[in-house]
N, C-alpha and C. Protein backbone atom coordinates (compact mmCIF):
# COMPACT_ATOMS: atom_id res chain seq x y z
N MET A 1 11.43 0.28 -9.26
CA MET A 1 10.87 -1.02 -8.90
C MET A 1 10.42 -1.03 -7.43
N VAL A 2 11.24 -0.43 -6.57
CA VAL A 2 10.88 -0.38 -5.14
C VAL A 2 9.63 0.46 -4.94
N ALA A 3 9.56 1.59 -5.63
CA ALA A 3 8.37 2.45 -5.51
C ALA A 3 7.13 1.73 -6.01
N GLN A 4 7.26 1.00 -7.11
CA GLN A 4 6.11 0.25 -7.65
C GLN A 4 5.70 -0.86 -6.69
N ALA A 5 6.67 -1.49 -6.04
CA ALA A 5 6.35 -2.53 -5.05
C ALA A 5 5.57 -1.93 -3.89
N HIS A 6 5.94 -0.72 -3.49
CA HIS A 6 5.19 -0.07 -2.40
C HIS A 6 3.77 0.27 -2.84
N GLN A 7 3.59 0.66 -4.07
CA GLN A 7 2.23 0.90 -4.56
C GLN A 7 1.39 -0.36 -4.47
N LEU A 8 2.00 -1.49 -4.80
CA LEU A 8 1.31 -2.77 -4.71
C LEU A 8 0.92 -3.09 -3.27
N VAL A 9 1.83 -2.83 -2.35
CA VAL A 9 1.55 -3.05 -0.92
C VAL A 9 0.42 -2.15 -0.46
N ALA A 10 0.48 -0.87 -0.84
CA ALA A 10 -0.53 0.10 -0.40
C ALA A 10 -1.92 -0.32 -0.85
N ARG A 11 -2.02 -0.90 -2.04
CA ARG A 11 -3.32 -1.36 -2.54
C ARG A 11 -3.81 -2.63 -1.85
N SER A 12 -2.89 -3.35 -1.21
CA SER A 12 -3.22 -4.68 -0.69
C SER A 12 -3.42 -4.73 0.81
N ILE A 13 -2.96 -3.72 1.54
CA ILE A 13 -3.08 -3.73 3.00
C ILE A 13 -4.53 -3.49 3.42
N ARG A 14 -5.04 -4.37 4.23
CA ARG A 14 -6.37 -4.24 4.81
C ARG A 14 -6.49 -5.24 5.95
N PRO A 15 -7.45 -5.06 6.85
CA PRO A 15 -7.63 -6.03 7.93
C PRO A 15 -7.85 -7.44 7.37
N GLY A 16 -7.21 -8.42 7.98
CA GLY A 16 -7.35 -9.80 7.56
C GLY A 16 -6.22 -10.31 6.68
N VAL A 17 -5.50 -9.40 6.04
CA VAL A 17 -4.35 -9.78 5.21
C VAL A 17 -3.17 -10.10 6.14
N THR A 18 -2.34 -11.04 5.75
CA THR A 18 -1.15 -11.36 6.54
C THR A 18 0.09 -10.71 5.92
N THR A 19 1.08 -10.47 6.76
CA THR A 19 2.33 -9.91 6.25
C THR A 19 3.08 -10.93 5.40
N LYS A 20 2.87 -12.21 5.66
CA LYS A 20 3.50 -13.23 4.80
C LYS A 20 2.92 -13.16 3.39
N TYR A 21 1.64 -12.88 3.28
CA TYR A 21 1.03 -12.70 1.95
C TYR A 21 1.65 -11.49 1.25
N LEU A 22 1.80 -10.38 1.97
CA LEU A 22 2.41 -9.19 1.38
C LEU A 22 3.84 -9.48 0.94
N ASP A 23 4.54 -10.27 1.72
CA ASP A 23 5.91 -10.63 1.38
C ASP A 23 5.97 -11.40 0.06
N SER A 24 5.08 -12.38 -0.09
CA SER A 24 5.07 -13.17 -1.33
C SER A 24 4.65 -12.31 -2.52
N LEU A 25 3.74 -11.38 -2.28
CA LEU A 25 3.27 -10.47 -3.32
C LEU A 25 4.44 -9.63 -3.86
N VAL A 26 5.22 -9.06 -2.94
CA VAL A 26 6.35 -8.22 -3.34
C VAL A 26 7.44 -9.05 -4.01
N GLU A 27 7.72 -10.21 -3.46
CA GLU A 27 8.76 -11.06 -4.05
C GLU A 27 8.39 -11.46 -5.48
N ASP A 28 7.17 -11.89 -5.67
CA ASP A 28 6.72 -12.28 -7.02
C ASP A 28 6.82 -11.11 -7.99
N PHE A 29 6.43 -9.92 -7.51
CA PHE A 29 6.48 -8.73 -8.37
C PHE A 29 7.92 -8.41 -8.77
N LEU A 30 8.81 -8.34 -7.79
CA LEU A 30 10.20 -7.98 -8.09
C LEU A 30 10.84 -8.98 -9.05
N LEU A 31 10.64 -10.26 -8.78
CA LEU A 31 11.24 -11.29 -9.64
C LEU A 31 10.67 -11.22 -11.05
N SER A 32 9.37 -10.92 -11.16
CA SER A 32 8.74 -10.85 -12.48
C SER A 32 9.30 -9.69 -13.31
N LYS A 33 9.86 -8.67 -12.62
CA LYS A 33 10.43 -7.51 -13.31
C LYS A 33 11.94 -7.63 -13.50
N GLY A 34 12.49 -8.76 -13.10
CA GLY A 34 13.93 -8.94 -13.23
C GLY A 34 14.75 -8.31 -12.13
N ALA A 35 14.10 -7.86 -11.08
CA ALA A 35 14.80 -7.28 -9.93
C ALA A 35 15.17 -8.39 -8.94
N ILE A 36 16.18 -8.13 -8.13
CA ILE A 36 16.63 -9.09 -7.12
C ILE A 36 16.29 -8.53 -5.74
N PRO A 37 15.48 -9.24 -4.94
CA PRO A 37 15.20 -8.76 -3.58
C PRO A 37 16.50 -8.59 -2.80
N ALA A 38 16.65 -7.42 -2.17
CA ALA A 38 17.90 -7.11 -1.49
C ALA A 38 17.99 -7.70 -0.09
N PHE A 39 16.85 -7.91 0.54
CA PHE A 39 16.86 -8.33 1.95
C PHE A 39 16.98 -9.85 2.11
N LYS A 40 16.35 -10.60 1.24
CA LYS A 40 16.26 -12.05 1.43
C LYS A 40 17.65 -12.68 1.39
N GLY A 41 18.01 -13.33 2.50
CA GLY A 41 19.32 -13.95 2.61
C GLY A 41 20.40 -13.04 3.14
N TYR A 42 20.08 -11.75 3.31
CA TYR A 42 21.08 -10.80 3.83
C TYR A 42 21.36 -11.11 5.30
N HIS A 43 22.57 -11.58 5.57
CA HIS A 43 22.94 -12.03 6.93
C HIS A 43 21.92 -13.04 7.46
N GLY A 44 21.31 -13.81 6.55
CA GLY A 44 20.37 -14.84 6.95
C GLY A 44 18.93 -14.38 7.09
N TYR A 45 18.62 -13.13 6.73
CA TYR A 45 17.24 -12.67 6.84
C TYR A 45 16.35 -13.51 5.94
N PRO A 46 15.18 -13.98 6.44
CA PRO A 46 14.43 -15.01 5.73
C PRO A 46 13.37 -14.52 4.75
N ALA A 47 13.20 -13.22 4.56
CA ALA A 47 12.07 -12.74 3.76
C ALA A 47 12.49 -11.64 2.81
N THR A 48 11.55 -11.27 1.92
CA THR A 48 11.81 -10.21 0.94
C THR A 48 11.54 -8.83 1.51
N ILE A 49 10.51 -8.69 2.35
CA ILE A 49 10.22 -7.41 2.99
C ILE A 49 10.46 -7.51 4.50
N CYS A 50 10.63 -6.36 5.13
CA CYS A 50 10.50 -6.28 6.58
C CYS A 50 9.11 -5.73 6.87
N ALA A 51 8.40 -6.38 7.78
CA ALA A 51 7.02 -6.01 8.09
C ALA A 51 6.91 -5.78 9.59
N SER A 52 6.81 -4.51 9.98
CA SER A 52 6.92 -4.12 11.39
C SER A 52 5.60 -3.55 11.89
N VAL A 53 4.94 -4.29 12.75
CA VAL A 53 3.59 -3.95 13.22
C VAL A 53 3.64 -3.22 14.56
N ASN A 54 2.96 -2.10 14.63
CA ASN A 54 2.71 -1.37 15.89
C ASN A 54 4.00 -0.99 16.62
N GLU A 55 4.36 -1.73 17.68
CA GLU A 55 5.54 -1.37 18.48
C GLU A 55 6.84 -1.90 17.88
N VAL A 56 6.75 -2.64 16.78
CA VAL A 56 7.96 -3.09 16.10
C VAL A 56 8.54 -1.92 15.31
N VAL A 57 9.80 -1.61 15.57
CA VAL A 57 10.44 -0.44 14.98
C VAL A 57 10.89 -0.76 13.55
N VAL A 58 11.70 -1.80 13.42
CA VAL A 58 12.21 -2.23 12.13
C VAL A 58 12.48 -3.74 12.17
N HIS A 59 12.68 -4.32 10.99
CA HIS A 59 13.16 -5.69 10.81
C HIS A 59 12.18 -6.76 11.28
N GLY A 60 10.89 -6.42 11.32
CA GLY A 60 9.89 -7.43 11.63
C GLY A 60 9.82 -8.48 10.53
N ILE A 61 9.76 -9.74 10.91
CA ILE A 61 9.72 -10.84 9.94
C ILE A 61 8.26 -11.15 9.59
N PRO A 62 7.92 -11.21 8.31
CA PRO A 62 6.54 -11.52 7.91
C PRO A 62 6.05 -12.84 8.51
N ASN A 63 4.75 -12.87 8.88
CA ASN A 63 4.18 -14.06 9.50
C ASN A 63 2.74 -14.24 9.06
N ASP A 64 2.07 -15.23 9.66
CA ASP A 64 0.71 -15.58 9.28
C ASP A 64 -0.37 -14.92 10.13
N VAL A 65 0.00 -13.96 10.97
CA VAL A 65 -0.98 -13.29 11.83
C VAL A 65 -1.76 -12.27 10.99
N PRO A 66 -3.09 -12.38 10.93
CA PRO A 66 -3.87 -11.42 10.14
C PRO A 66 -3.77 -10.01 10.73
N LEU A 67 -3.61 -9.03 9.87
CA LEU A 67 -3.61 -7.65 10.31
C LEU A 67 -4.97 -7.26 10.85
N GLU A 68 -4.98 -6.38 11.85
CA GLU A 68 -6.24 -5.96 12.47
C GLU A 68 -6.49 -4.47 12.24
N GLU A 69 -7.77 -4.14 12.17
CA GLU A 69 -8.20 -2.75 12.06
C GLU A 69 -7.55 -1.91 13.15
N GLY A 70 -6.99 -0.76 12.75
CA GLY A 70 -6.40 0.15 13.73
C GLY A 70 -4.92 -0.02 13.95
N TRP A 71 -4.33 -1.10 13.40
CA TRP A 71 -2.89 -1.29 13.51
C TRP A 71 -2.17 -0.36 12.54
N ILE A 72 -0.85 -0.21 12.77
CA ILE A 72 0.00 0.40 11.75
C ILE A 72 1.06 -0.63 11.34
N LEU A 73 1.48 -0.55 10.09
CA LEU A 73 2.42 -1.54 9.55
C LEU A 73 3.52 -0.84 8.76
N GLY A 74 4.75 -0.96 9.25
CA GLY A 74 5.90 -0.46 8.51
C GLY A 74 6.40 -1.53 7.55
N VAL A 75 6.52 -1.18 6.28
CA VAL A 75 7.00 -2.11 5.26
C VAL A 75 8.28 -1.54 4.64
N ASP A 76 9.36 -2.30 4.75
CA ASP A 76 10.64 -1.90 4.19
C ASP A 76 10.95 -2.82 3.01
N ILE A 77 11.30 -2.22 1.86
CA ILE A 77 11.54 -2.99 0.64
C ILE A 77 12.86 -2.54 0.03
N GLY A 78 13.69 -3.51 -0.35
CA GLY A 78 14.92 -3.21 -1.06
C GLY A 78 15.06 -4.12 -2.26
N ALA A 79 15.67 -3.60 -3.34
CA ALA A 79 15.84 -4.40 -4.55
C ALA A 79 17.05 -3.93 -5.33
N TYR A 80 17.69 -4.90 -5.98
CA TYR A 80 18.77 -4.59 -6.92
C TYR A 80 18.23 -4.64 -8.34
N VAL A 81 18.53 -3.60 -9.09
CA VAL A 81 18.16 -3.53 -10.51
C VAL A 81 19.40 -3.06 -11.27
N ASP A 82 19.84 -3.86 -12.23
CA ASP A 82 21.00 -3.50 -13.05
C ASP A 82 22.22 -3.15 -12.21
N GLY A 83 22.39 -3.87 -11.10
CA GLY A 83 23.58 -3.70 -10.28
C GLY A 83 23.53 -2.61 -9.24
N PHE A 84 22.40 -1.88 -9.16
CA PHE A 84 22.26 -0.82 -8.17
C PHE A 84 21.08 -1.13 -7.24
N CYS A 85 21.18 -0.63 -6.00
CA CYS A 85 20.18 -0.96 -4.98
C CYS A 85 19.30 0.24 -4.67
N GLY A 86 18.01 -0.02 -4.55
CA GLY A 86 17.04 0.95 -4.05
C GLY A 86 16.45 0.44 -2.75
N ASP A 87 16.12 1.35 -1.83
CA ASP A 87 15.67 0.97 -0.50
C ASP A 87 14.67 2.01 -0.02
N SER A 88 13.48 1.57 0.37
CA SER A 88 12.47 2.50 0.83
C SER A 88 11.53 1.83 1.82
N ALA A 89 11.13 2.58 2.83
CA ALA A 89 10.17 2.08 3.83
C ALA A 89 9.03 3.07 3.95
N TRP A 90 7.87 2.54 4.27
CA TRP A 90 6.67 3.36 4.47
C TRP A 90 5.86 2.72 5.58
N THR A 91 5.23 3.52 6.41
CA THR A 91 4.35 2.98 7.44
C THR A 91 2.92 3.27 7.07
N TYR A 92 2.13 2.21 7.01
CA TYR A 92 0.76 2.27 6.49
C TYR A 92 -0.26 2.07 7.60
N PRO A 93 -1.39 2.74 7.52
CA PRO A 93 -2.51 2.42 8.42
C PRO A 93 -3.21 1.15 7.95
N VAL A 94 -3.66 0.36 8.89
CA VAL A 94 -4.49 -0.81 8.56
C VAL A 94 -5.93 -0.41 8.86
N GLY A 95 -6.69 -0.16 7.82
CA GLY A 95 -8.04 0.35 8.02
C GLY A 95 -7.99 1.75 8.61
N THR A 96 -8.86 2.02 9.57
CA THR A 96 -8.92 3.32 10.23
C THR A 96 -8.10 3.28 11.51
N ILE A 97 -7.19 4.23 11.66
CA ILE A 97 -6.36 4.28 12.87
C ILE A 97 -6.73 5.50 13.70
N ASP A 98 -6.34 5.48 14.99
CA ASP A 98 -6.72 6.60 15.85
C ASP A 98 -5.85 7.82 15.56
N SER A 99 -6.24 8.95 16.13
CA SER A 99 -5.59 10.22 15.80
C SER A 99 -4.13 10.25 16.24
N ASN A 100 -3.80 9.58 17.35
CA ASN A 100 -2.42 9.57 17.82
C ASN A 100 -1.52 8.81 16.84
N ALA A 101 -1.99 7.67 16.37
CA ALA A 101 -1.22 6.90 15.39
C ALA A 101 -1.09 7.67 14.09
N GLN A 102 -2.17 8.32 13.66
CA GLN A 102 -2.15 9.10 12.43
C GLN A 102 -1.13 10.25 12.53
N ARG A 103 -1.10 10.88 13.67
CA ARG A 103 -0.15 11.98 13.87
C ARG A 103 1.29 11.47 13.85
N LEU A 104 1.52 10.30 14.44
CA LEU A 104 2.87 9.71 14.41
C LEU A 104 3.32 9.48 12.98
N LEU A 105 2.44 8.95 12.14
CA LEU A 105 2.78 8.72 10.74
C LEU A 105 3.07 10.04 10.02
N GLU A 106 2.22 11.02 10.26
CA GLU A 106 2.38 12.31 9.56
C GLU A 106 3.68 13.01 9.96
N VAL A 107 4.00 12.98 11.25
CA VAL A 107 5.22 13.64 11.72
C VAL A 107 6.47 12.92 11.20
N THR A 108 6.44 11.60 11.20
CA THR A 108 7.61 10.84 10.72
C THR A 108 7.84 11.08 9.23
N LYS A 109 6.76 11.09 8.46
CA LYS A 109 6.89 11.39 7.03
C LYS A 109 7.39 12.81 6.82
N SER A 110 6.88 13.75 7.60
CA SER A 110 7.32 15.14 7.50
C SER A 110 8.80 15.26 7.86
N ALA A 111 9.24 14.54 8.89
CA ALA A 111 10.65 14.57 9.28
C ALA A 111 11.54 14.07 8.14
N LEU A 112 11.11 12.99 7.47
CA LEU A 112 11.86 12.49 6.33
C LEU A 112 11.98 13.55 5.24
N LEU A 113 10.85 14.14 4.86
CA LEU A 113 10.86 15.11 3.76
C LEU A 113 11.66 16.36 4.13
N ASN A 114 11.57 16.78 5.38
CA ASN A 114 12.37 17.93 5.82
C ASN A 114 13.85 17.60 5.83
N GLY A 115 14.18 16.37 6.22
CA GLY A 115 15.58 15.96 6.18
C GLY A 115 16.11 15.93 4.76
N ILE A 116 15.30 15.42 3.84
CA ILE A 116 15.71 15.36 2.44
C ILE A 116 15.99 16.76 1.89
N GLU A 117 15.24 17.75 2.34
CA GLU A 117 15.46 19.12 1.88
C GLU A 117 16.86 19.63 2.22
N GLN A 118 17.47 19.04 3.24
CA GLN A 118 18.82 19.44 3.64
C GLN A 118 19.91 18.68 2.88
N ALA A 119 19.51 17.71 2.06
CA ALA A 119 20.48 16.89 1.32
C ALA A 119 20.89 17.61 0.05
N VAL A 120 21.60 18.71 0.22
CA VAL A 120 22.02 19.55 -0.90
C VAL A 120 23.53 19.71 -0.91
N VAL A 121 24.07 19.98 -2.07
CA VAL A 121 25.51 20.15 -2.25
C VAL A 121 26.05 21.19 -1.26
N ASP A 122 27.15 20.82 -0.61
CA ASP A 122 27.91 21.67 0.33
C ASP A 122 27.33 21.71 1.74
N ASN A 123 26.12 21.17 1.96
CA ASN A 123 25.69 20.97 3.34
C ASN A 123 26.52 19.86 3.97
N ARG A 124 26.50 19.80 5.30
CA ARG A 124 27.12 18.69 6.03
C ARG A 124 26.09 17.59 6.25
N LEU A 125 26.57 16.37 6.38
CA LEU A 125 25.67 15.23 6.56
C LEU A 125 24.77 15.43 7.78
N SER A 126 25.32 15.97 8.86
CA SER A 126 24.51 16.11 10.08
C SER A 126 23.45 17.20 9.97
N ASP A 127 23.49 18.01 8.91
CA ASP A 127 22.40 18.96 8.69
C ASP A 127 21.10 18.20 8.41
N VAL A 128 21.22 17.06 7.70
CA VAL A 128 20.07 16.19 7.46
C VAL A 128 19.59 15.62 8.78
N SER A 129 20.53 15.08 9.55
CA SER A 129 20.21 14.44 10.83
C SER A 129 19.51 15.42 11.78
N HIS A 130 20.07 16.61 11.89
CA HIS A 130 19.54 17.60 12.83
C HIS A 130 18.14 18.04 12.45
N GLN A 131 17.89 18.20 11.16
CA GLN A 131 16.56 18.63 10.73
C GLN A 131 15.51 17.57 11.07
N ILE A 132 15.86 16.31 10.87
CA ILE A 132 14.93 15.22 11.22
C ILE A 132 14.61 15.25 12.70
N GLN A 133 15.65 15.32 13.53
CA GLN A 133 15.44 15.33 14.98
C GLN A 133 14.60 16.53 15.41
N SER A 134 14.86 17.67 14.80
CA SER A 134 14.13 18.89 15.18
C SER A 134 12.64 18.75 14.93
N VAL A 135 12.27 18.22 13.78
CA VAL A 135 10.85 18.04 13.45
C VAL A 135 10.20 17.04 14.40
N VAL A 136 10.89 15.94 14.65
CA VAL A 136 10.32 14.89 15.50
C VAL A 136 10.10 15.40 16.92
N GLU A 137 11.12 15.98 17.51
CA GLU A 137 11.04 16.38 18.92
C GLU A 137 10.15 17.59 19.13
N ALA A 138 10.02 18.44 18.12
CA ALA A 138 9.10 19.56 18.22
C ALA A 138 7.66 19.09 18.32
N ASN A 139 7.42 17.87 17.86
CA ASN A 139 6.07 17.30 17.91
C ASN A 139 5.88 16.30 19.05
N GLY A 140 6.85 16.22 19.95
CA GLY A 140 6.69 15.42 21.15
C GLY A 140 7.01 13.94 21.00
N PHE A 141 7.62 13.56 19.89
CA PHE A 141 8.00 12.17 19.68
C PHE A 141 9.52 12.03 19.87
N SER A 142 10.04 10.80 19.74
CA SER A 142 11.47 10.58 19.95
C SER A 142 12.08 9.83 18.77
N VAL A 143 13.35 10.12 18.53
CA VAL A 143 14.09 9.53 17.41
C VAL A 143 14.92 8.35 17.90
N VAL A 144 14.77 7.21 17.26
CA VAL A 144 15.55 6.03 17.60
C VAL A 144 17.04 6.31 17.37
N ARG A 145 17.87 5.94 18.33
CA ARG A 145 19.32 6.17 18.25
C ARG A 145 20.07 4.94 17.74
N ASP A 146 19.55 3.76 18.00
CA ASP A 146 20.33 2.53 17.77
C ASP A 146 20.39 2.10 16.31
N PHE A 147 19.53 2.66 15.46
CA PHE A 147 19.50 2.30 14.05
C PHE A 147 19.47 3.58 13.23
N VAL A 148 20.18 3.57 12.10
CA VAL A 148 20.39 4.81 11.34
C VAL A 148 20.26 4.54 9.85
N GLY A 149 20.23 5.62 9.07
CA GLY A 149 20.27 5.50 7.62
C GLY A 149 21.68 5.22 7.14
N HIS A 150 21.85 5.23 5.80
CA HIS A 150 23.13 4.77 5.26
C HIS A 150 23.30 5.23 3.82
N GLY A 151 24.54 5.25 3.39
CA GLY A 151 24.80 5.39 1.97
C GLY A 151 24.32 4.16 1.23
N ILE A 152 24.09 4.30 -0.06
CA ILE A 152 23.56 3.19 -0.85
C ILE A 152 24.01 3.36 -2.29
N GLY A 153 24.23 2.26 -2.98
CA GLY A 153 24.67 2.33 -4.37
C GLY A 153 24.72 0.94 -4.97
N ARG A 154 25.92 0.44 -5.23
CA ARG A 154 26.05 -0.93 -5.73
C ARG A 154 25.82 -1.94 -4.62
N LYS A 155 25.93 -1.49 -3.36
CA LYS A 155 25.58 -2.31 -2.21
C LYS A 155 24.48 -1.60 -1.42
N MET A 156 23.71 -2.39 -0.68
CA MET A 156 22.61 -1.81 0.08
C MET A 156 23.12 -0.89 1.18
N HIS A 157 24.12 -1.34 1.91
CA HIS A 157 24.65 -0.54 3.01
C HIS A 157 26.07 -0.09 2.66
N GLU A 158 26.23 1.19 2.44
CA GLU A 158 27.52 1.79 2.16
C GLU A 158 27.74 2.95 3.12
N ALA A 159 28.97 3.43 3.19
CA ALA A 159 29.25 4.64 3.98
C ALA A 159 28.60 5.84 3.28
N PRO A 160 28.21 6.84 4.05
CA PRO A 160 28.34 6.97 5.50
C PRO A 160 27.07 6.52 6.22
N GLN A 161 27.19 6.28 7.52
CA GLN A 161 25.98 6.11 8.33
C GLN A 161 25.31 7.47 8.48
N ILE A 162 23.97 7.45 8.55
CA ILE A 162 23.21 8.70 8.62
C ILE A 162 22.29 8.67 9.84
N PRO A 163 22.77 9.16 10.99
CA PRO A 163 21.89 9.23 12.17
C PRO A 163 20.71 10.16 11.90
N ASN A 164 19.66 9.96 12.66
CA ASN A 164 18.49 10.83 12.58
C ASN A 164 18.45 11.83 13.73
N PHE A 165 19.63 12.12 14.28
CA PHE A 165 19.75 13.04 15.40
C PHE A 165 21.16 13.62 15.39
N GLY A 166 21.33 14.72 16.09
CA GLY A 166 22.67 15.29 16.23
C GLY A 166 22.71 16.77 15.89
N ALA A 167 23.83 17.40 16.24
CA ALA A 167 24.03 18.83 15.97
C ALA A 167 24.30 19.04 14.49
N PRO A 168 23.92 20.20 13.96
CA PRO A 168 24.20 20.49 12.54
C PRO A 168 25.67 20.81 12.31
N GLY A 169 26.06 20.85 11.02
CA GLY A 169 27.39 21.31 10.67
C GLY A 169 28.51 20.32 10.89
N ARG A 170 28.18 19.06 10.98
CA ARG A 170 29.19 18.04 11.23
C ARG A 170 29.15 16.96 10.15
N GLY A 171 30.21 16.15 10.12
CA GLY A 171 30.26 15.04 9.17
C GLY A 171 30.74 15.47 7.80
N PRO A 172 30.77 14.54 6.85
CA PRO A 172 31.27 14.86 5.52
C PRO A 172 30.40 15.89 4.81
N ARG A 173 31.05 16.66 3.94
CA ARG A 173 30.30 17.61 3.13
C ARG A 173 29.63 16.87 1.98
N LEU A 174 28.38 17.20 1.70
CA LEU A 174 27.62 16.50 0.67
C LEU A 174 28.03 16.98 -0.71
N LYS A 175 28.14 16.01 -1.63
CA LYS A 175 28.58 16.32 -2.99
C LYS A 175 27.61 15.72 -3.99
N ALA A 176 27.52 16.34 -5.16
CA ALA A 176 26.68 15.80 -6.23
C ALA A 176 27.17 14.41 -6.59
N GLY A 177 26.23 13.49 -6.77
CA GLY A 177 26.56 12.12 -7.10
C GLY A 177 26.44 11.16 -5.93
N MET A 178 26.42 11.69 -4.70
CA MET A 178 26.18 10.83 -3.54
C MET A 178 24.73 10.34 -3.55
N THR A 179 24.52 9.13 -3.06
CA THR A 179 23.17 8.58 -2.95
C THR A 179 22.99 8.04 -1.54
N LEU A 180 21.95 8.49 -0.87
CA LEU A 180 21.72 8.22 0.54
C LEU A 180 20.36 7.57 0.78
N ALA A 181 20.33 6.62 1.70
CA ALA A 181 19.06 6.08 2.20
C ALA A 181 18.77 6.76 3.52
N ILE A 182 17.86 7.71 3.49
CA ILE A 182 17.52 8.52 4.67
C ILE A 182 16.26 7.91 5.28
N GLU A 183 16.30 7.59 6.58
CA GLU A 183 15.20 6.80 7.14
C GLU A 183 14.95 7.05 8.63
N PRO A 184 14.19 8.09 8.95
CA PRO A 184 13.83 8.28 10.36
C PRO A 184 12.96 7.15 10.89
N MET A 185 13.32 6.69 12.08
CA MET A 185 12.52 5.74 12.86
C MET A 185 12.09 6.47 14.12
N VAL A 186 10.80 6.62 14.32
CA VAL A 186 10.27 7.54 15.33
C VAL A 186 9.31 6.80 16.25
N ASN A 187 9.53 6.97 17.55
CA ASN A 187 8.68 6.31 18.55
C ASN A 187 7.71 7.31 19.19
N ALA A 188 6.53 6.83 19.49
CA ALA A 188 5.56 7.67 20.21
C ALA A 188 5.99 7.89 21.65
N GLY A 189 6.72 6.92 22.21
CA GLY A 189 7.24 7.04 23.57
C GLY A 189 8.70 7.44 23.58
N ASN A 190 9.50 6.79 24.45
CA ASN A 190 10.92 7.13 24.47
C ASN A 190 11.67 6.41 23.35
N TYR A 191 12.93 6.75 23.18
CA TYR A 191 13.66 6.24 22.01
C TYR A 191 14.34 4.89 22.24
N HIS A 192 14.22 4.33 23.41
CA HIS A 192 14.91 3.08 23.70
C HIS A 192 14.24 1.88 23.01
N VAL A 193 15.08 1.00 22.46
CA VAL A 193 14.58 -0.17 21.74
C VAL A 193 15.36 -1.41 22.18
N GLN A 194 14.83 -2.57 21.82
CA GLN A 194 15.55 -3.82 22.08
C GLN A 194 15.29 -4.80 20.94
N VAL A 195 16.27 -5.69 20.73
CA VAL A 195 16.16 -6.71 19.69
C VAL A 195 15.63 -7.98 20.34
N GLN A 196 14.60 -8.57 19.74
CA GLN A 196 14.01 -9.78 20.29
C GLN A 196 14.87 -11.01 20.00
N GLN A 197 14.41 -12.17 20.52
CA GLN A 197 15.24 -13.37 20.48
C GLN A 197 15.50 -13.91 19.07
N ASP A 198 14.69 -13.49 18.09
CA ASP A 198 14.97 -13.94 16.72
C ASP A 198 16.17 -13.22 16.10
N ASN A 199 16.74 -12.28 16.86
CA ASN A 199 17.91 -11.50 16.44
C ASN A 199 17.63 -10.54 15.29
N TRP A 200 16.37 -10.33 14.97
CA TRP A 200 15.99 -9.39 13.92
C TRP A 200 15.00 -8.34 14.42
N THR A 201 13.90 -8.79 14.99
CA THR A 201 12.78 -7.90 15.32
C THR A 201 13.17 -6.89 16.40
N VAL A 202 13.06 -5.61 16.07
CA VAL A 202 13.40 -4.53 17.00
C VAL A 202 12.10 -3.90 17.49
N VAL A 203 11.93 -3.82 18.81
CA VAL A 203 10.70 -3.27 19.39
C VAL A 203 11.02 -2.13 20.34
N THR A 204 10.02 -1.29 20.57
CA THR A 204 10.17 -0.22 21.56
C THR A 204 10.17 -0.84 22.96
N ILE A 205 11.02 -0.31 23.83
CA ILE A 205 11.12 -0.81 25.20
C ILE A 205 9.80 -0.62 25.95
N ASP A 206 9.15 0.53 25.69
CA ASP A 206 7.93 0.87 26.44
C ASP A 206 6.65 0.44 25.73
N SER A 207 6.79 -0.36 24.66
CA SER A 207 5.65 -0.87 23.88
C SER A 207 4.86 0.23 23.17
N SER A 208 5.45 1.42 23.04
CA SER A 208 4.79 2.49 22.30
C SER A 208 4.87 2.22 20.80
N LEU A 209 3.98 2.86 20.04
CA LEU A 209 3.99 2.70 18.59
C LEU A 209 5.27 3.29 17.99
N SER A 210 5.66 2.74 16.84
CA SER A 210 6.83 3.26 16.13
C SER A 210 6.52 3.33 14.65
N ALA A 211 7.04 4.37 13.98
CA ALA A 211 6.85 4.54 12.55
C ALA A 211 8.21 4.67 11.86
N HIS A 212 8.25 4.29 10.59
CA HIS A 212 9.50 4.24 9.83
C HIS A 212 9.21 4.66 8.39
N PHE A 213 9.87 5.71 7.94
CA PHE A 213 9.75 6.16 6.56
C PHE A 213 11.15 6.32 5.99
N GLU A 214 11.33 5.90 4.74
CA GLU A 214 12.66 5.92 4.13
C GLU A 214 12.55 6.13 2.62
N HIS A 215 13.46 6.94 2.10
CA HIS A 215 13.63 7.08 0.65
C HIS A 215 15.10 6.96 0.29
N THR A 216 15.36 6.47 -0.90
CA THR A 216 16.69 6.57 -1.49
C THR A 216 16.76 7.89 -2.26
N VAL A 217 17.76 8.69 -1.92
CA VAL A 217 17.84 10.07 -2.41
C VAL A 217 19.19 10.31 -3.08
N ALA A 218 19.17 10.87 -4.28
CA ALA A 218 20.39 11.27 -4.98
C ALA A 218 20.62 12.76 -4.77
N ILE A 219 21.87 13.13 -4.48
CA ILE A 219 22.24 14.53 -4.36
C ILE A 219 22.74 15.01 -5.71
N THR A 220 22.13 16.06 -6.22
CA THR A 220 22.52 16.61 -7.52
C THR A 220 22.76 18.11 -7.39
N ASP A 221 23.37 18.68 -8.40
CA ASP A 221 23.60 20.12 -8.42
C ASP A 221 22.29 20.91 -8.43
N GLU A 222 21.21 20.25 -8.86
CA GLU A 222 19.89 20.91 -8.90
C GLU A 222 19.08 20.66 -7.64
N GLY A 223 19.64 19.93 -6.68
CA GLY A 223 18.93 19.62 -5.45
C GLY A 223 18.70 18.13 -5.30
N PRO A 224 18.10 17.72 -4.17
CA PRO A 224 17.88 16.29 -3.93
C PRO A 224 16.83 15.71 -4.86
N VAL A 225 17.06 14.49 -5.31
CA VAL A 225 16.11 13.77 -6.16
C VAL A 225 15.73 12.48 -5.44
N ILE A 226 14.44 12.30 -5.17
CA ILE A 226 13.96 11.08 -4.50
C ILE A 226 13.82 10.01 -5.58
N LEU A 227 14.65 8.97 -5.48
CA LEU A 227 14.67 7.92 -6.49
C LEU A 227 13.59 6.86 -6.26
N THR A 228 13.10 6.76 -5.03
CA THR A 228 12.11 5.73 -4.70
C THR A 228 10.70 6.30 -4.61
N ALA A 229 10.43 7.37 -5.36
CA ALA A 229 9.09 7.93 -5.45
C ALA A 229 8.68 7.97 -6.91
N LEU A 230 7.41 7.73 -7.18
CA LEU A 230 6.91 7.77 -8.55
C LEU A 230 6.25 9.12 -8.84
């Protein structure tokens, strides 16, 4: 359901569209399929999606500001289906974006996929974290420290926390049956962020662009399975 909601968003993003419209689109879709939006009402969060534009790292609240050509938009979607939660984020170009923004998106997505490759039985949790950081920093970008991935299952946020940085070979050993929400948040500038006065919106300190990619991943004896991809 989360993957299908992202497909709907991808088809709908263009200059002139508002994030509030995208929010209503996703909410209507999830409810029509019998899914329960995971974010709305969570600790008072007011919307179904998080919509994070340009320098907003995560937790941007949908609004009526029309999207503009050249912006980037991170969309985070979570839903409960049959008692289990799926969670996935993707950062989309709005129209045509410049080469620096495009590279930020490509590197962040690559970091996610490389991290997922480490989510195998008997690896340590920090092997995932270290691989993500290595890809990001090798490309001259920085990994956000203040927000991390998480375990996921019957609840959206479960143990363990999954940093996107750190030395390999640390943390719990990965076992078949674990399900993780792996989500690098990557800044074009430095990694420092701050939370705005609405107590939700997280922005880069230096106003640099930020990208966010996330999948819900199951660890199996046959390797990692991305549950939020079609």
